[in-house]
Amino acid sequence: MTWWETLLFPVAWLWRPKLLFTLLFFGGAAYLLIVFNWSYSDGDRAGYLQKLSRKGWFCKTQEGELAMTTVPGVAPVLWSFTVWDENVAKKLDGQMGKRVVLHYKEFRYIPTTCFGETPYFVDRVEVLD
């Protein structure tokens, strides 16, 4: 046995392509399962719905902007969000310029923008006006 065989022997099983592919597949599936089922934070944001659009080259997502202001006349803070649920998107679609409360969940470390461009995903809407 040469020196490099003794060095690589503990990880020699990783060189088998089927086993390596299977481990990578199940590792990736476990990662996605954890990322999508455990939210980093959740809460409510109130403001005026400024924008809602359908974006993406291949994966179309609903992206929006909420203008949050404390006092009239002060420049609002813009908060970007993503909507997964079509029912929530339909409810938001007719509320442009109105005051709404959005309940969101924040999911961090999502691997691609195919699931949404922001880490904030709105799941409930309440119209105030």
C-alpha atoms as a PDB file:
ATOM      1  CA  MET A   1       0.000   0.000   0.000  1.00  0.00           C
ATOM      2  CA  THR A   2       1.432   3.366  -0.985  1.00  0.00           C
ATOM      3  CA  TRP A   3       1.348   6.529   1.088  1.00  0.00           C
ATOM      4  CA  TRP A   4      -1.525   8.085  -0.871  1.00  0.00           C
ATOM      5  CA  GLU A   5      -3.667   4.942  -0.490  1.00  0.00           C
ATOM      6  CA  THR A   6      -3.244   5.088   3.282  1.00  0.00           C
ATOM      7  CA  LEU A   7      -4.100   8.769   3.210  1.00  0.00           C
ATOM      8  CA  LEU A   8      -7.253   8.343   1.080  1.00  0.00           C
ATOM      9  CA  PHE A   9      -8.448   5.011   2.494  1.00  0.00           C
ATOM     10  CA  PRO A  10     -10.809   6.537   5.120  1.00  0.00           C
ATOM     11  CA  VAL A  11     -12.630   8.495   2.384  1.00  0.00           C
ATOM     12  CA  ALA A  12     -12.253   6.001  -0.442  1.00  0.00           C
ATOM     13  CA  TRP A  13     -15.980   5.211  -0.394  1.00  0.00           C
ATOM     14  CA  LEU A  14     -16.651   8.798  -1.521  1.00  0.00           C
ATOM     15  CA  TRP A  15     -15.140   7.989  -4.905  1.00  0.00           C
ATOM     16  CA  ARG A  16     -18.052   5.734  -5.763  1.00  0.00           C
ATOM     17  CA  PRO A  17     -20.273   7.958  -7.934  1.00  0.00           C
ATOM     18  CA  LYS A  18     -23.643   6.407  -7.104  1.00  0.00           C
ATOM     19  CA  LEU A  19     -23.079   6.628  -3.380  1.00  0.00           C
ATOM     20  CA  LEU A  20     -21.738  10.168  -3.648  1.00  0.00           C
ATOM     21  CA  PHE A  21     -24.716  11.260  -5.772  1.00  0.00           C
ATOM     22  CA  THR A  22     -27.168   9.641  -3.342  1.00  0.00           C
ATOM     23  CA  LEU A  23     -25.559  11.375  -0.360  1.00  0.00           C
ATOM     24  CA  LEU A  24     -25.594  14.738  -2.122  1.00  0.00           C
ATOM     25  CA  PHE A  25     -29.225  14.285  -3.175  1.00  0.00           C
ATOM     26  CA  PHE A  26     -30.459  13.399   0.306  1.00  0.00           C
ATOM     27  CA  GLY A  27     -28.267  16.071   1.880  1.00  0.00           C
ATOM     28  CA  GLY A  28     -29.762  18.700  -0.446  1.00  0.00           C
ATOM     29  CA  ALA A  29     -33.288  17.435   0.197  1.00  0.00           C
ATOM     30  CA  ALA A  30     -32.724  17.593   3.965  1.00  0.00           C
ATOM     31  CA  TYR A  31     -31.350  21.138   3.633  1.00  0.00           C
ATOM     32  CA  LEU A  32     -34.389  22.318   1.665  1.00  0.00           C
ATOM     33  CA  LEU A  33     -36.746  20.583   4.096  1.00  0.00           C
ATOM     34  CA  ILE A  34     -35.198  22.454   7.008  1.00  0.00           C
ATOM     35  CA  VAL A  35     -35.009  25.820   5.198  1.00  0.00           C
ATOM     36  CA  PHE A  36     -38.657  25.808   4.069  1.00  0.00           C
ATOM     37  CA  ASN A  37     -40.197  24.458   7.285  1.00  0.00           C
ATOM     38  CA  TRP A  38     -38.365  26.568   9.827  1.00  0.00           C
ATOM     39  CA  SER A  39     -38.853  30.313   9.558  1.00  0.00           C
ATOM     40  CA  TYR A  40     -36.250  32.653  10.983  1.00  0.00           C
ATOM     41  CA  SER A  41     -38.858  35.232  12.006  1.00  0.00           C
ATOM     42  CA  ASP A  42     -42.458  36.208  11.431  1.00  0.00           C
ATOM     43  CA  GLY A  43     -44.512  39.297  12.057  1.00  0.00           C
ATOM     44  CA  ASP A  44     -46.733  42.021  10.650  1.00  0.00           C
ATOM     45  CA  ARG A  45     -45.945  45.113   8.605  1.00  0.00           C
ATOM     46  CA  ALA A  46     -48.400  47.942   7.937  1.00  0.00           C
ATOM     47  CA  GLY A  47     -48.248  50.482   5.163  1.00  0.00           C
ATOM     48  CA  TYR A  48     -49.493  51.441   1.741  1.00  0.00           C
ATOM     49  CA  LEU A  49     -49.253  48.849  -1.009  1.00  0.00           C
ATOM     50  CA  GLN A  50     -47.152  50.472  -3.696  1.00  0.00           C
ATOM     51  CA  LYS A  51     -46.270  47.716  -6.148  1.00  0.00           C
ATOM     52  CA  LEU A  52     -47.192  44.136  -6.989  1.00  0.00           C
ATOM     53  CA  SER A  53     -45.714  42.432 -10.028  1.00  0.00           C
ATOM     54  CA  ARG A  54     -45.028  39.006 -11.450  1.00  0.00           C
ATOM     55  CA  LYS A  55     -41.280  38.589 -12.035  1.00  0.00           C
ATOM     56  CA  GLY A  56     -38.830  36.003 -13.253  1.00  0.00           C
ATOM     57  CA  TRP A  57     -37.427  34.416 -16.404  1.00  0.00           C
ATOM     58  CA  PHE A  58     -38.278  30.807 -15.636  1.00  0.00           C
ATOM     59  CA  CYS A  59     -39.770  30.796 -12.141  1.00  0.00           C
ATOM     60  CA  LYS A  60     -42.492  33.426 -11.965  1.00  0.00           C
ATOM     61  CA  THR A  61     -43.011  34.881  -8.484  1.00  0.00           C
ATOM     62  CA  GLN A  62     -45.205  37.672  -7.154  1.00  0.00           C
ATOM     63  CA  GLU A  63     -43.010  40.491  -5.828  1.00  0.00           C
ATOM     64  CA  GLY A  64     -44.318  43.581  -4.069  1.00  0.00           C
ATOM     65  CA  GLU A  65     -43.386  46.742  -2.228  1.00  0.00           C
ATOM     66  CA  LEU A  66     -44.962  48.254   0.844  1.00  0.00           C
ATOM     67  CA  ALA A  67     -44.433  51.948   1.669  1.00  0.00           C
ATOM     68  CA  MET A  68     -44.226  52.242   5.449  1.00  0.00           C
ATOM     69  CA  THR A  69     -44.536  55.741   6.839  1.00  0.00           C
ATOM     70  CA  THR A  70     -44.991  56.985  10.394  1.00  0.00           C
ATOM     71  CA  VAL A  71     -45.971  60.598   9.725  1.00  0.00           C
ATOM     72  CA  PRO A  72     -47.413  62.092   6.524  1.00  0.00           C
ATOM     73  CA  GLY A  73     -44.834  64.209   4.720  1.00  0.00           C
ATOM     74  CA  VAL A  74     -41.896  62.040   5.788  1.00  0.00           C
ATOM     75  CA  ALA A  75     -40.230  59.867   3.160  1.00  0.00           C
ATOM     76  CA  PRO A  76     -41.539  56.310   3.493  1.00  0.00           C
ATOM     77  CA  VAL A  77     -39.386  53.251   4.001  1.00  0.00           C
ATOM     78  CA  LEU A  78     -39.917  50.766   1.174  1.00  0.00           C
ATOM     79  CA  TRP A  79     -40.175  47.106   2.183  1.00  0.00           C
ATOM     80  CA  SER A  80     -39.947  44.430  -0.502  1.00  0.00           C
ATOM     81  CA  PHE A  81     -41.747  41.115  -0.146  1.00  0.00           C
ATOM     82  CA  THR A  82     -42.679  37.957  -2.048  1.00  0.00           C
ATOM     83  CA  VAL A  83     -46.067  36.233  -2.254  1.00  0.00           C
ATOM     84  CA  TRP A  84     -46.247  32.463  -2.820  1.00  0.00           C
ATOM     85  CA  ASP A  85     -49.998  31.945  -2.425  1.00  0.00           C
ATOM     86  CA  GLU A  86     -52.145  32.853  -5.439  1.00  0.00           C
ATOM     87  CA  ASN A  87     -55.162  33.669  -3.203  1.00  0.00           C
ATOM     88  CA  VAL A  88     -53.122  36.227  -1.249  1.00  0.00           C
ATOM     89  CA  ALA A  89     -51.804  37.707  -4.518  1.00  0.00           C
ATOM     90  CA  LYS A  90     -55.365  38.067  -5.856  1.00  0.00           C
ATOM     91  CA  LYS A  91     -56.439  39.784  -2.641  1.00  0.00           C
ATOM     92  CA  LEU A  92     -53.481  42.184  -2.876  1.00  0.00           C
ATOM     93  CA  ASP A  93     -54.015  42.876  -6.567  1.00  0.00           C
ATOM     94  CA  GLY A  94     -57.011  45.137  -6.044  1.00  0.00           C
ATOM     95  CA  GLN A  95     -55.567  46.999  -3.051  1.00  0.00           C
ATOM     96  CA  MET A  96     -52.975  49.206  -4.764  1.00  0.00           C
ATOM     97  CA  GLY A  97     -52.536  52.494  -2.865  1.00  0.00           C
ATOM     98  CA  LYS A  98     -54.581  51.310   0.124  1.00  0.00           C
ATOM     99  CA  ARG A  99     -53.378  50.783   3.680  1.00  0.00           C
ATOM    100  CA  VAL A 100     -52.835  47.094   4.421  1.00  0.00           C
ATOM    101  CA  VAL A 101     -51.337  44.898   7.125  1.00  0.00           C
ATOM    102  CA  LEU A 102     -49.194  42.052   5.802  1.00  0.00           C
ATOM    103  CA  HIS A 103     -48.299  39.019   7.883  1.00  0.00           C
ATOM    104  CA  TYR A 104     -44.989  37.558   6.752  1.00  0.00           C
ATOM    105  CA  LYS A 105     -42.471  34.830   7.489  1.00  0.00           C
ATOM    106  CA  GLU A 106     -38.756  35.284   6.905  1.00  0.00           C
ATOM    107  CA  PHE A 107     -36.860  32.330   5.460  1.00  0.00           C
ATOM    108  CA  ARG A 108     -33.086  32.721   5.335  1.00  0.00           C
ATOM    109  CA  TYR A 109     -30.520  30.892   3.210  1.00  0.00           C
ATOM    110  CA  ILE A 110     -32.875  29.861   0.408  1.00  0.00           C
ATOM    111  CA  PRO A 111     -30.543  28.593  -2.315  1.00  0.00           C
ATOM    112  CA  THR A 112     -31.917  30.388  -5.412  1.00  0.00           C
ATOM    113  CA  THR A 113     -34.133  33.315  -6.352  1.00  0.00           C
ATOM    114  CA  CYS A 114     -36.482  30.864  -8.053  1.00  0.00           C
ATOM    115  CA  PHE A 115     -38.547  30.776  -4.838  1.00  0.00           C
ATOM    116  CA  GLY A 116     -38.609  34.566  -4.510  1.00  0.00           C
ATOM    117  CA  GLU A 117     -36.282  37.546  -4.684  1.00  0.00           C
ATOM    118  CA  THR A 118     -36.657  38.495  -1.023  1.00  0.00           C
ATOM    119  CA  PRO A 119     -36.440  36.465   2.191  1.00  0.00           C
ATOM    120  CA  TYR A 120     -39.857  37.838   3.286  1.00  0.00           C
ATOM    121  CA  PHE A 121     -42.888  35.766   2.234  1.00  0.00           C
ATOM    122  CA  VAL A 122     -46.379  37.172   2.858  1.00  0.00           C
ATOM    123  CA  ASP A 123     -49.013  34.609   3.814  1.00  0.00           C
ATOM    124  CA  ARG A 124     -51.916  36.775   5.070  1.00  0.00           C
ATOM    125  CA  VAL A 125     -53.377  40.187   4.218  1.00  0.00           C
ATOM    126  CA  GLU A 126     -55.668  42.500   6.134  1.00  0.00           C
ATOM    127  CA  VAL A 127     -57.030  45.606   4.402  1.00  0.00           C
ATOM    128  CA  LEU A 128     -57.456  48.608   6.709  1.00  0.00           C
ATOM    129  CA  ASP A 129     -59.130  51.153   4.373  1.00  0.00           C
END
